[in-house]
Amino acid sequence: MGIWQREATLEQLNLRSKETMVEHIGIRFTLLDDDSIEAVMPVDRRTRQPFGLLHGGASVVLAETLGSMAGYLCTTGEQQVVGLEINANHLRAAREGEVRGVCRAVHIGRRNQVWQIEIFDDNNRLCCTSRLTTAVI
């Protein structure tokens, strides 16, 4: 179970995204191991900016989706997680295919959490690095 306090399957994580922005832009959770969570997102008409590149905002949505779900999985009972701050450095453009986000904990505290999310293109090249700070309420 690693760092996670809640038990969940990939199917359950993906079902939670039904009828949300996460589903609308095609984000799918693909891996949940002892200390990380991964998801993929298509680079298509929903996620590109007008110049044909992956929109930076879409990368931030993928990062916040991963960090928020990871944060939730590290809570118990009625606790919830909300984002306080997110930043993203866009390092390489993606034009097609899928990008893959990998989320790992930097800090898991009683009141706040910090998550590092790295986003890779189809050739496993780093496109974006992001950090999300959440509050546990």
Protein backbone atom coordinates (compact mmCIF):
# COMPACT_ATOMS: atom_id res chain seq x y z
CA MET A 1 0.00 0.00 0.00
CA GLY A 2 3.02 2.30 0.35
CA ILE A 3 2.11 5.94 1.08
CA TRP A 4 -1.57 5.54 0.28
CA GLN A 5 -4.12 5.53 3.11
CA ARG A 6 -7.10 4.66 0.90
CA GLU A 7 -7.42 1.56 -1.21
CA ALA A 8 -8.30 2.20 -4.85
CA THR A 9 -8.00 0.56 -8.23
CA LEU A 10 -7.29 2.27 -11.54
CA GLU A 11 -10.86 1.50 -12.58
CA GLN A 12 -12.21 3.29 -9.49
CA LEU A 13 -9.95 6.31 -10.10
CA ASN A 14 -11.11 6.57 -13.70
CA LEU A 15 -14.77 6.20 -12.71
CA ARG A 16 -14.38 9.15 -10.31
CA SER A 17 -13.55 11.31 -13.34
CA LYS A 18 -16.83 10.69 -15.14
CA GLU A 19 -18.61 13.86 -16.25
CA THR A 20 -15.73 16.14 -15.17
CA MET A 21 -13.12 18.16 -17.03
CA VAL A 22 -10.76 15.22 -16.47
CA GLU A 23 -12.97 12.97 -18.61
CA HIS A 24 -13.71 15.78 -21.10
CA ILE A 25 -10.07 16.21 -22.08
CA GLY A 26 -9.35 12.47 -22.01
CA ILE A 27 -7.14 12.04 -18.94
CA ARG A 28 -6.88 8.38 -17.87
CA PHE A 29 -5.13 7.02 -14.79
CA THR A 30 -2.76 4.26 -15.88
CA LEU A 31 -0.55 3.34 -12.92
CA LEU A 32 -0.86 3.30 -9.16
CA ASP A 33 2.12 1.81 -7.34
CA ASP A 34 3.45 2.09 -3.78
CA ASP A 35 4.61 5.71 -4.03
CA SER A 36 3.51 7.18 -7.37
CA ILE A 37 0.51 7.64 -9.61
CA GLU A 38 0.48 8.12 -13.39
CA ALA A 39 -2.02 9.25 -15.99
CA VAL A 40 -2.00 9.93 -19.72
CA MET A 41 -3.64 12.72 -21.69
CA PRO A 42 -4.09 12.94 -25.47
CA VAL A 43 -2.54 15.77 -27.44
CA ASP A 44 -5.52 16.49 -29.69
CA ARG A 45 -8.10 19.16 -30.58
CA ARG A 46 -9.20 19.34 -26.92
CA THR A 47 -5.74 19.95 -25.48
CA ARG A 48 -3.85 21.89 -28.19
CA GLN A 49 -3.51 25.66 -28.35
CA PRO A 50 -4.19 27.49 -31.67
CA PHE A 51 -0.58 27.01 -32.87
CA GLY A 52 -0.80 23.21 -32.73
CA LEU A 53 1.15 22.63 -29.52
CA LEU A 54 -0.05 21.09 -26.27
CA HIS A 55 -1.65 23.94 -24.31
CA GLY A 56 0.24 24.80 -21.14
CA GLY A 57 -3.06 24.99 -19.29
CA ALA A 58 -3.83 21.40 -20.28
CA SER A 59 -0.50 20.33 -18.80
CA VAL A 60 -1.45 22.12 -15.58
CA VAL A 61 -4.83 20.34 -15.56
CA LEU A 62 -3.02 16.99 -15.87
CA ALA A 63 -0.62 17.96 -13.06
CA GLU A 64 -3.37 19.17 -10.73
CA THR A 65 -5.46 16.09 -11.48
CA LEU A 66 -2.61 13.79 -10.52
CA GLY A 67 -1.57 15.72 -7.43
CA SER A 68 -5.11 16.12 -6.16
CA MET A 69 -5.91 12.43 -6.59
CA ALA A 70 -2.62 11.46 -4.94
CA GLY A 71 -3.39 13.82 -2.08
CA TYR A 72 -6.84 12.35 -1.63
CA LEU A 73 -5.39 8.84 -1.54
CA CYS A 74 -3.14 9.97 1.34
CA THR A 75 -6.07 11.02 3.52
CA THR A 76 -8.58 9.10 5.60
CA GLY A 77 -12.25 9.27 6.50
CA GLU A 78 -13.99 12.54 5.64
CA GLN A 79 -10.76 14.42 4.91
CA GLN A 80 -10.52 16.22 1.59
CA VAL A 81 -7.69 17.85 -0.32
CA VAL A 82 -7.79 21.23 -2.07
CA GLY A 83 -5.12 22.87 -4.17
CA LEU A 84 -3.37 25.92 -2.71
CA GLU A 85 -0.71 26.65 -5.34
CA ILE A 86 0.55 25.13 -8.56
CA ASN A 87 3.42 26.08 -10.82
CA ALA A 88 4.61 24.63 -14.08
CA ASN A 89 7.72 24.97 -16.21
CA HIS A 90 7.05 24.08 -19.83
CA LEU A 91 10.31 22.70 -21.19
CA ARG A 92 9.45 21.00 -24.49
CA ALA A 93 6.50 21.17 -26.86
CA ALA A 94 4.30 18.17 -27.63
CA ARG A 95 2.33 18.21 -30.89
CA GLU A 96 0.68 14.78 -31.10
CA GLY A 97 0.18 11.45 -29.40
CA GLU A 98 -0.14 11.33 -25.64
CA VAL A 99 1.69 12.83 -22.71
CA ARG A 100 2.25 10.89 -19.49
CA GLY A 101 2.23 12.49 -16.06
CA VAL A 102 4.13 10.96 -13.15
CA CYS A 103 3.31 12.21 -9.64
CA ARG A 104 5.40 11.64 -6.50
CA ALA A 105 5.25 13.08 -3.01
CA VAL A 106 7.71 15.71 -1.86
CA HIS A 107 5.97 16.18 1.51
CA ILE A 108 2.93 14.52 3.09
CA GLY A 109 1.92 16.31 6.28
CA ARG A 110 -1.18 16.41 8.44
CA ARG A 111 -2.25 19.82 7.12
CA ASN A 112 -0.52 20.16 3.77
CA GLN A 113 1.12 18.17 1.02
CA VAL A 114 3.55 18.95 -1.79
CA TRP A 115 3.53 16.92 -5.02
CA GLN A 116 6.04 16.86 -7.88
CA ILE A 117 4.54 16.05 -11.29
CA GLU A 118 6.64 15.44 -14.39
CA ILE A 119 5.03 15.22 -17.82
CA PHE A 120 6.70 13.27 -20.65
CA ASP A 121 5.98 12.99 -24.38
CA ASP A 122 5.68 9.75 -26.39
CA ASN A 123 9.49 9.62 -26.65
CA ASN A 124 9.87 9.86 -22.85
CA ARG A 125 11.27 13.41 -23.09
CA LEU A 126 10.43 15.76 -20.23
CA CYS A 127 7.92 18.37 -21.44
CA CYS A 128 6.79 19.96 -18.18
CA THR A 129 7.67 19.87 -14.52
CA SER A 130 5.11 21.02 -12.00
CA ARG A 131 4.72 21.31 -8.25
CA LEU A 132 1.35 21.30 -6.48
CA THR A 133 0.77 22.31 -2.85
CA THR A 134 -2.45 21.09 -1.29
CA ALA A 135 -4.26 21.66 2.00
CA VAL A 136 -5.89 18.81 3.89
CA ILE A 137 -9.32 19.88 5.21
